[in-house]
C-alpha atoms as a PDB file:
ATOM      1  CA  MET A   1       0.180  -0.565   0.173  1.00  0.00           C
ATOM      2  CA  PRO A   2       1.432   3.342  -1.123  1.00  0.00           C
ATOM      3  CA  LEU A   3       2.896   5.662   2.456  1.00  0.00           C
ATOM      4  CA  GLY A   4      -0.263   8.625   1.809  1.00  0.00           C
ATOM      5  CA  GLU A   5      -2.149   5.448   1.436  1.00  0.00           C
ATOM      6  CA  MET A   6      -1.471   3.859   5.173  1.00  0.00           C
ATOM      7  CA  PRO A   7      -3.990   5.544   8.211  1.00  0.00           C
ATOM      8  CA  HIS A   8      -2.455   7.408  10.421  1.00  0.00           C
ATOM      9  CA  ILE A   9      -1.781   6.194  14.245  1.00  0.00           C
ATOM     10  CA  LEU A  10      -0.510   8.835  16.416  1.00  0.00           C
ATOM     11  CA  VAL A  11       0.945   6.691  19.234  1.00  0.00           C
ATOM     12  CA  VAL A  12       1.404   8.409  22.668  1.00  0.00           C
ATOM     13  CA  ASP A  13       3.533   6.331  25.782  1.00  0.00           C
ATOM     14  CA  ASP A  14       5.417   7.715  27.752  1.00  0.00           C
ATOM     15  CA  ASP A  15       6.177   4.290  28.227  1.00  0.00           C
ATOM     16  CA  THR A  16      10.122   4.009  25.549  1.00  0.00           C
ATOM     17  CA  ARG A  17      10.059   0.139  25.203  1.00  0.00           C
ATOM     18  CA  LEU A  18       6.464  -0.443  24.564  1.00  0.00           C
ATOM     19  CA  ARG A  19       6.143   2.718  22.858  1.00  0.00           C
ATOM     20  CA  GLU A  20       8.991   1.831  19.835  1.00  0.00           C
ATOM     21  CA  LEU A  21       6.877  -2.216  20.078  1.00  0.00           C
ATOM     22  CA  LEU A  22       3.862  -0.518  18.503  1.00  0.00           C
ATOM     23  CA  ARG A  23       5.827   2.218  16.547  1.00  0.00           C
ATOM     24  CA  LYS A  24       7.006  -1.484  14.101  1.00  0.00           C
ATOM     25  CA  TYR A  25       4.243  -3.389  14.746  1.00  0.00           C
ATOM     26  CA  LEU A  26       1.820  -1.198  13.636  1.00  0.00           C
ATOM     27  CA  SER A  27       4.595  -0.306  10.432  1.00  0.00           C
ATOM     28  CA  ASP A  28       4.842  -3.813   9.809  1.00  0.00           C
ATOM     29  CA  ASN A  29       1.023  -3.894   9.629  1.00  0.00           C
ATOM     30  CA  GLU A  30       0.685  -0.926   7.068  1.00  0.00           C
ATOM     31  CA  PHE A  31       0.136   1.993   8.624  1.00  0.00           C
ATOM     32  CA  ARG A  32       2.116   5.296   9.754  1.00  0.00           C
ATOM     33  CA  VAL A  33       2.793   5.867  13.023  1.00  0.00           C
ATOM     34  CA  THR A  34       4.320   8.501  14.740  1.00  0.00           C
ATOM     35  CA  VAL A  35       4.870   8.444  18.834  1.00  0.00           C
ATOM     36  CA  ALA A  36       5.333  11.059  20.986  1.00  0.00           C
ATOM     37  CA  ALA A  37       6.035  10.448  24.861  1.00  0.00           C
ATOM     38  CA  ASP A  38       3.514  12.597  26.535  1.00  0.00           C
ATOM     39  CA  ALA A  39       0.090  14.864  25.684  1.00  0.00           C
ATOM     40  CA  GLY A  40       2.262  17.929  25.336  1.00  0.00           C
ATOM     41  CA  GLU A  41       4.248  15.808  22.964  1.00  0.00           C
ATOM     42  CA  ALA A  42       1.218  14.784  21.542  1.00  0.00           C
ATOM     43  CA  ARG A  43       0.032  18.372  20.686  1.00  0.00           C
ATOM     44  CA  ASP A  44       3.239  19.432  19.074  1.00  0.00           C
ATOM     45  CA  ARG A  45       2.510  16.565  16.407  1.00  0.00           C
ATOM     46  CA  MET A  46      -0.899  17.083  15.938  1.00  0.00           C
ATOM     47  CA  ALA A  47      -0.441  21.063  15.145  1.00  0.00           C
ATOM     48  CA  GLY A  48       1.362  19.916  12.140  1.00  0.00           C
ATOM     49  CA  LEU A  49      -0.167  16.379  11.063  1.00  0.00           C
ATOM     50  CA  GLN A  50      -3.573  15.118  10.490  1.00  0.00           C
ATOM     51  CA  PHE A  51      -3.483  11.217  12.177  1.00  0.00           C
ATOM     52  CA  ASP A  52      -6.879   8.613  11.664  1.00  0.00           C
ATOM     53  CA  LEU A  53      -6.591   7.518  15.551  1.00  0.00           C
ATOM     54  CA  ILE A  54      -5.144   8.236  18.497  1.00  0.00           C
ATOM     55  CA  VAL A  55      -3.579   4.967  20.959  1.00  0.00           C
ATOM     56  CA  LEU A  56      -3.517   6.474  24.498  1.00  0.00           C
ATOM     57  CA  ASP A  57      -1.987   5.474  27.370  1.00  0.00           C
ATOM     58  CA  ARG A  58      -4.108   6.590  30.471  1.00  0.00           C
ATOM     59  CA  MET A  59      -1.274   6.839  32.895  1.00  0.00           C
ATOM     60  CA  MET A  60       1.291   9.417  31.901  1.00  0.00           C
ATOM     61  CA  PRO A  61       3.541  11.784  34.420  1.00  0.00           C
ATOM     62  CA  GLY A  62       1.867  15.579  33.937  1.00  0.00           C
ATOM     63  CA  GLU A  63      -1.566  15.450  32.074  1.00  0.00           C
ATOM     64  CA  SER A  64      -2.979  12.191  32.093  1.00  0.00           C
ATOM     65  CA  GLY A  65      -4.934  11.093  28.927  1.00  0.00           C
ATOM     66  CA  LEU A  66      -7.883  10.997  30.513  1.00  0.00           C
ATOM     67  CA  ASP A  67      -7.301  14.656  31.243  1.00  0.00           C
ATOM     68  CA  PHE A  68      -5.598  14.992  27.358  1.00  0.00           C
ATOM     69  CA  VAL A  69      -8.916  13.239  26.085  1.00  0.00           C
ATOM     70  CA  HIS A  70     -10.806  15.664  27.988  1.00  0.00           C
ATOM     71  CA  ASN A  71      -9.392  19.298  26.682  1.00  0.00           C
ATOM     72  CA  LEU A  72      -9.422  17.497  23.102  1.00  0.00           C
ATOM     73  CA  ARG A  73     -12.900  16.278  22.589  1.00  0.00           C
ATOM     74  CA  PRO A  74     -14.722  19.876  22.527  1.00  0.00           C
ATOM     75  CA  SER A  75     -12.379  20.682  19.175  1.00  0.00           C
ATOM     76  CA  ASN A  76     -10.983  17.254  18.320  1.00  0.00           C
ATOM     77  CA  PRO A  77     -13.892  13.752  17.129  1.00  0.00           C
ATOM     78  CA  VAL A  78     -10.061  12.259  16.372  1.00  0.00           C
ATOM     79  CA  PRO A  79     -11.221   8.362  17.259  1.00  0.00           C
ATOM     80  CA  ILE A  80      -9.305   7.487  19.704  1.00  0.00           C
ATOM     81  CA  LEU A  81      -8.013   3.887  21.562  1.00  0.00           C
ATOM     82  CA  MET A  82      -7.371   4.147  25.040  1.00  0.00           C
ATOM     83  CA  LEU A  83      -4.643   2.004  26.507  1.00  0.00           C
ATOM     84  CA  THR A  84      -4.731   1.319  30.563  1.00  0.00           C
ATOM     85  CA  ALA A  85      -2.941  -1.040  33.910  1.00  0.00           C
ATOM     86  CA  MET A  86      -6.239  -0.706  35.014  1.00  0.00           C
ATOM     87  CA  GLY A  87      -8.961  -2.951  34.006  1.00  0.00           C
ATOM     88  CA  GLU A  88     -12.133  -1.664  36.575  1.00  0.00           C
ATOM     89  CA  VAL A  89     -15.531  -1.161  35.257  1.00  0.00           C
ATOM     90  CA  ASP A  90     -15.328   2.422  36.440  1.00  0.00           C
ATOM     91  CA  ALA A  91     -12.115   3.346  34.980  1.00  0.00           C
ATOM     92  CA  ARG A  92     -13.001   2.189  31.723  1.00  0.00           C
ATOM     93  CA  ILE A  93     -17.046   4.002  31.612  1.00  0.00           C
ATOM     94  CA  ASP A  94     -14.194   7.334  32.766  1.00  0.00           C
ATOM     95  CA  GLY A  95     -12.854   6.765  29.375  1.00  0.00           C
ATOM     96  CA  LEU A  96     -16.436   5.965  27.766  1.00  0.00           C
ATOM     97  CA  GLU A  97     -17.941   9.139  29.074  1.00  0.00           C
ATOM     98  CA  ALA A  98     -14.858  11.709  27.902  1.00  0.00           C
ATOM     99  CA  GLY A  99     -14.914  10.481  24.512  1.00  0.00           C
ATOM    100  CA  VAL A 100     -12.649   7.559  23.640  1.00  0.00           C
ATOM    101  CA  ASP A 101     -14.022   4.820  21.447  1.00  0.00           C
ATOM    102  CA  ASP A 102     -12.224   2.048  22.599  1.00  0.00           C
ATOM    103  CA  TYR A 103     -10.729   0.632  25.169  1.00  0.00           C
ATOM    104  CA  LEU A 104      -7.468  -1.927  26.291  1.00  0.00           C
ATOM    105  CA  ALA A 105      -6.333  -3.313  29.666  1.00  0.00           C
ATOM    106  CA  LYS A 106      -2.805  -3.542  30.069  1.00  0.00           C
ATOM    107  CA  PRO A 107      -1.023  -5.970  29.652  1.00  0.00           C
ATOM    108  CA  PHE A 108      -2.740  -7.159  25.937  1.00  0.00           C
ATOM    109  CA  GLU A 109      -2.346  -9.240  23.168  1.00  0.00           C
ATOM    110  CA  PRO A 110      -0.853  -6.681  20.208  1.00  0.00           C
ATOM    111  CA  ARG A 111      -3.353  -9.140  17.940  1.00  0.00           C
ATOM    112  CA  GLU A 112      -5.641  -7.732  19.330  1.00  0.00           C
ATOM    113  CA  LEU A 113      -4.781  -3.668  20.022  1.00  0.00           C
ATOM    114  CA  LEU A 114      -4.902  -4.889  15.963  1.00  0.00           C
ATOM    115  CA  LEU A 115      -8.064  -6.037  15.451  1.00  0.00           C
ATOM    116  CA  ARG A 116      -9.883  -3.081  17.178  1.00  0.00           C
ATOM    117  CA  ILE A 117      -7.546  -0.203  15.475  1.00  0.00           C
ATOM    118  CA  ARG A 118      -8.978  -1.910  12.760  1.00  0.00           C
ATOM    119  CA  THR A 119     -12.530  -2.065  13.276  1.00  0.00           C
ATOM    120  CA  ILE A 120     -12.584   1.654  15.082  1.00  0.00           C
ATOM    121  CA  LEU A 121     -11.200   2.361  12.014  1.00  0.00           C
ATOM    122  CA  ARG A 122     -13.981   0.441   9.741  1.00  0.00           C
ATOM    123  CA  ARG A 123     -16.394   1.711  11.879  1.00  0.00           C
ATOM    124  CA  LEU A 124     -15.725   4.934  10.956  1.00  0.00           C
ATOM    125  CA  GLU A 125     -15.748   4.488   7.150  1.00  0.00           C
ATOM    126  CA  ASN A 126     -19.096   2.720   7.145  1.00  0.00           C
ATOM    127  CA  THR A 127     -20.700   5.331   8.544  1.00  0.00           C
ATOM    128  CA  GLU A 128     -19.857   7.680   5.970  1.00  0.00           C
ATOM    129  CA  THR A 129     -20.092   5.760   2.841  1.00  0.00           C
ATOM    130  CA  GLN A 130     -23.329   3.352   4.533  1.00  0.00           C
ATOM    131  CA  PRO A 131     -25.253   1.993   1.293  1.00  0.00           C
ATOM    132  CA  GLU A 132     -28.406   3.472   0.141  1.00  0.00           C
ATOM    133  CA  SER A 133     -29.793  -0.216  -0.320  1.00  0.00           C
ATOM    134  CA  VAL A 134     -28.308  -3.381  -1.509  1.00  0.00           C
ATOM    135  CA  ARG A 135     -29.343  -5.962  -4.641  1.00  0.00           C
ATOM    136  CA  LEU A 136     -29.337  -9.508  -3.227  1.00  0.00           C
ATOM    137  CA  GLY A 137     -31.599 -11.428  -6.485  1.00  0.00           C
ATOM    138  CA  ARG A 138     -35.262 -11.165  -5.575  1.00  0.00           C
ATOM    139  CA  ALA A 139     -33.663  -9.778  -2.310  1.00  0.00           C
ATOM    140  CA  GLU A 140     -33.574  -5.854  -1.403  1.00  0.00           C
ATOM    141  CA  TYR A 141     -32.017  -4.770   2.192  1.00  0.00           C
ATOM    142  CA  ASP A 142     -31.465  -0.653   3.244  1.00  0.00           C
ATOM    143  CA  PRO A 143     -29.281  -1.212   5.589  1.00  0.00           C
ATOM    144  CA  ALA A 144     -30.004   2.727   7.384  1.00  0.00           C
ATOM    145  CA  ARG A 145     -33.598   1.135   8.479  1.00  0.00           C
ATOM    146  CA  GLU A 146     -31.991  -2.402   8.497  1.00  0.00           C
ATOM    147  CA  VAL A 147     -34.882  -3.424   6.322  1.00  0.00           C
ATOM    148  CA  MET A 148     -35.161  -6.581   4.212  1.00  0.00           C
ATOM    149  CA  THR A 149     -37.397  -7.041   1.376  1.00  0.00           C
ATOM    150  CA  VAL A 150     -37.981 -10.140  -0.778  1.00  0.00           C
ATOM    151  CA  ASP A 151     -40.274  -9.408  -4.266  1.00  0.00           C
ATOM    152  CA  GLY A 152     -41.466  -6.020  -2.525  1.00  0.00           C
ATOM    153  CA  GLN A 153     -42.591  -7.850   0.763  1.00  0.00           C
ATOM    154  CA  PRO A 154     -40.909  -7.491   3.958  1.00  0.00           C
ATOM    155  CA  LEU A 155     -38.840 -10.492   5.441  1.00  0.00           C
ATOM    156  CA  ARG A 156     -38.346 -10.274   9.276  1.00  0.00           C
ATOM    157  CA  LEU A 157     -34.211 -10.639  10.022  1.00  0.00           C
ATOM    158  CA  THR A 158     -32.923 -11.074  13.900  1.00  0.00           C
ATOM    159  CA  SER A 159     -30.828  -7.830  15.375  1.00  0.00           C
ATOM    160  CA  ALA A 160     -27.727 -10.016  14.402  1.00  0.00           C
ATOM    161  CA  GLU A 161     -28.911 -10.918  11.236  1.00  0.00           C
ATOM    162  CA  ALA A 162     -29.231  -6.685  10.001  1.00  0.00           C
ATOM    163  CA  GLY A 163     -25.763  -6.106  11.627  1.00  0.00           C
ATOM    164  CA  LEU A 164     -24.277  -8.648  10.030  1.00  0.00           C
ATOM    165  CA  LEU A 165     -25.923  -8.364   6.671  1.00  0.00           C
ATOM    166  CA  SER A 166     -24.648  -3.763   7.276  1.00  0.00           C
ATOM    167  CA  ALA A 167     -21.329  -4.731   8.375  1.00  0.00           C
ATOM    168  CA  LEU A 168     -21.000  -6.735   4.915  1.00  0.00           C
ATOM    169  CA  ALA A 169     -23.243  -4.470   2.878  1.00  0.00           C
ATOM    170  CA  ALA A 170     -20.718  -1.494   3.296  1.00  0.00           C
ATOM    171  CA  VAL A 171     -17.932  -2.974   2.433  1.00  0.00           C
ATOM    172  CA  ALA A 172     -19.746  -4.910  -0.192  1.00  0.00           C
ATOM    173  CA  GLY A 173     -17.114  -6.228  -2.060  1.00  0.00           C
ATOM    174  CA  GLU A 174     -14.230  -6.868   0.718  1.00  0.00           C
ATOM    175  CA  VAL A 175     -13.317  -9.509   2.918  1.00  0.00           C
ATOM    176  CA  LEU A 176     -14.176  -9.387   6.881  1.00  0.00           C
ATOM    177  CA  SER A 177     -12.735 -11.495   9.028  1.00  0.00           C
ATOM    178  CA  ARG A 178     -14.804 -13.457  11.564  1.00  0.00           C
ATOM    179  CA  ASP A 179     -13.518 -11.261  14.008  1.00  0.00           C
ATOM    180  CA  GLU A 180     -13.808  -7.969  12.625  1.00  0.00           C
ATOM    181  CA  LEU A 181     -17.460  -9.139  12.249  1.00  0.00           C
ATOM    182  CA  THR A 182     -17.481 -10.310  15.822  1.00  0.00           C
ATOM    183  CA  ALA A 183     -16.511  -6.624  16.446  1.00  0.00           C
ATOM    184  CA  LEU A 184     -18.468  -4.812  14.245  1.00  0.00           C
ATOM    185  CA  CYS A 185     -21.569  -6.114  15.351  1.00  0.00           C
ATOM    186  CA  ASN A 186     -21.307  -7.457  18.707  1.00  0.00           C
ATOM    187  CA  ILE A 187     -22.231 -10.776  18.254  1.00  0.00           C
ATOM    188  CA  GLU A 188     -20.715 -13.284  21.243  1.00  0.00           C
ATOM    189  CA  GLY A 189     -19.971 -16.494  20.731  1.00  0.00           C
ATOM    190  CA  GLY A 190     -17.173 -16.410  18.481  1.00  0.00           C
ATOM    191  CA  GLU A 191     -16.434 -17.631  15.177  1.00  0.00           C
ATOM    192  CA  ARG A 192     -19.080 -20.430  15.958  1.00  0.00           C
ATOM    193  CA  ALA A 193     -21.743 -17.864  16.195  1.00  0.00           C
ATOM    194  CA  ILE A 194     -20.510 -15.969  12.990  1.00  0.00           C
ATOM    195  CA  ASP A 195     -21.529 -18.781  11.043  1.00  0.00           C
ATOM    196  CA  VAL A 196     -24.702 -19.604  12.313  1.00  0.00           C
ATOM    197  CA  GLN A 197     -25.628 -16.353  11.735  1.00  0.00           C
ATOM    198  CA  VAL A 198     -24.022 -16.720   7.989  1.00  0.00           C
ATOM    199  CA  THR A 199     -26.341 -19.731   8.214  1.00  0.00           C
ATOM    200  CA  ARG A 200     -29.180 -18.269   8.400  1.00  0.00           C
ATOM    201  CA  LEU A 201     -28.455 -15.537   6.175  1.00  0.00           C
ATOM    202  CA  ARG A 202     -28.307 -17.212   3.445  1.00  0.00           C
ATOM    203  CA  ARG A 203     -31.677 -19.556   3.762  1.00  0.00           C
ATOM    204  CA  LYS A 204     -33.383 -16.024   3.393  1.00  0.00           C
ATOM    205  CA  ILE A 205     -31.447 -14.532   0.276  1.00  0.00           C
ATOM    206  CA  GLU A 206     -29.880 -16.843  -1.341  1.00  0.00           C
ATOM    207  CA  PRO A 207     -31.643 -19.368  -4.512  1.00  0.00           C
ATOM    208  CA  ASP A 208     -29.575 -22.229  -3.481  1.00  0.00           C
ATOM    209  CA  PRO A 209     -28.178 -21.586  -0.285  1.00  0.00           C
ATOM    210  CA  ARG A 210     -25.545 -24.789  -0.660  1.00  0.00           C
ATOM    211  CA  VAL A 211     -23.714 -22.892  -3.416  1.00  0.00           C
ATOM    212  CA  PRO A 212     -24.258 -19.212  -2.484  1.00  0.00           C
ATOM    213  CA  ARG A 213     -24.588 -17.038  -4.934  1.00  0.00           C
ATOM    214  CA  TYR A 214     -24.385 -12.690  -2.889  1.00  0.00           C
ATOM    215  CA  LEU A 215     -22.776 -14.191   1.192  1.00  0.00           C
ATOM    216  CA  GLN A 216     -19.865 -16.242  -0.096  1.00  0.00           C
ATOM    217  CA  THR A 217     -17.139 -17.869   2.457  1.00  0.00           C
ATOM    218  CA  VAL A 218     -13.156 -16.602   1.137  1.00  0.00           C
ATOM    219  CA  ARG A 219     -11.608 -20.191   2.696  1.00  0.00           C
ATOM    220  CA  GLY A 220      -9.071 -18.619   5.592  1.00  0.00           C
ATOM    221  CA  ARG A 221     -10.211 -15.103   5.411  1.00  0.00           C
ATOM    222  CA  GLY A 222     -13.934 -14.978   6.299  1.00  0.00           C
ATOM    223  CA  TYR A 223     -17.293 -13.740   4.428  1.00  0.00           C
ATOM    224  CA  VAL A 224     -18.063 -11.264   1.355  1.00  0.00           C
ATOM    225  CA  LEU A 225     -21.128 -10.039   0.638  1.00  0.00           C
ATOM    226  CA  ARG A 226     -21.278  -9.944  -3.616  1.00  0.00           C
ATOM    227  CA  PRO A 227     -24.580  -7.994  -4.420  1.00  0.00           C
ATOM    228  CA  ASP A 228     -25.721  -7.256  -8.201  1.00  0.00           C
END
């Protein structure tokens, strides 16, 4: 991917080792990465650069990550993923109420951080590019209203089915992994639960669910929706 097309991440953490590990890991996974050691340095970076997302440590000397969010939010809606050693529910709620988009307790697996970053960015992209409707043979789906019709007649979808279909419709033609779909749709039960919902959806939209035309499996990667 060309450098200019890579999402630009600002990592703000006073732990030099973690900061540099995140710089390398995210860079290896097709992100542009800029780092800062504290809130003041983060502001300096933001004065001259535009970022797609901030990975922010909560516990920093001086101005804390939470204070930084409070000061930033009135003027800047950039998505924020907060890192913290504090895993208590109250601490998480404080961050969310301040305007944080997601919250990850240390220590964490780098793959989980990567998944959460991609989920936040994809969610933002989806809200900007939500299609008016998608045609699936005799069926038509309206993501904004979460309404499915077949031959013009309403067809009931469960909330999980509608969420899954909306997530896939927003990036039609693009493969979403089961992990990404789990995070985007808030479906509990892991990969098996996603597979069950896909099977149910196919029964409703596919002429032959055993040979899917619209909701296809990409082996080893996930699922893709291919509307007419």
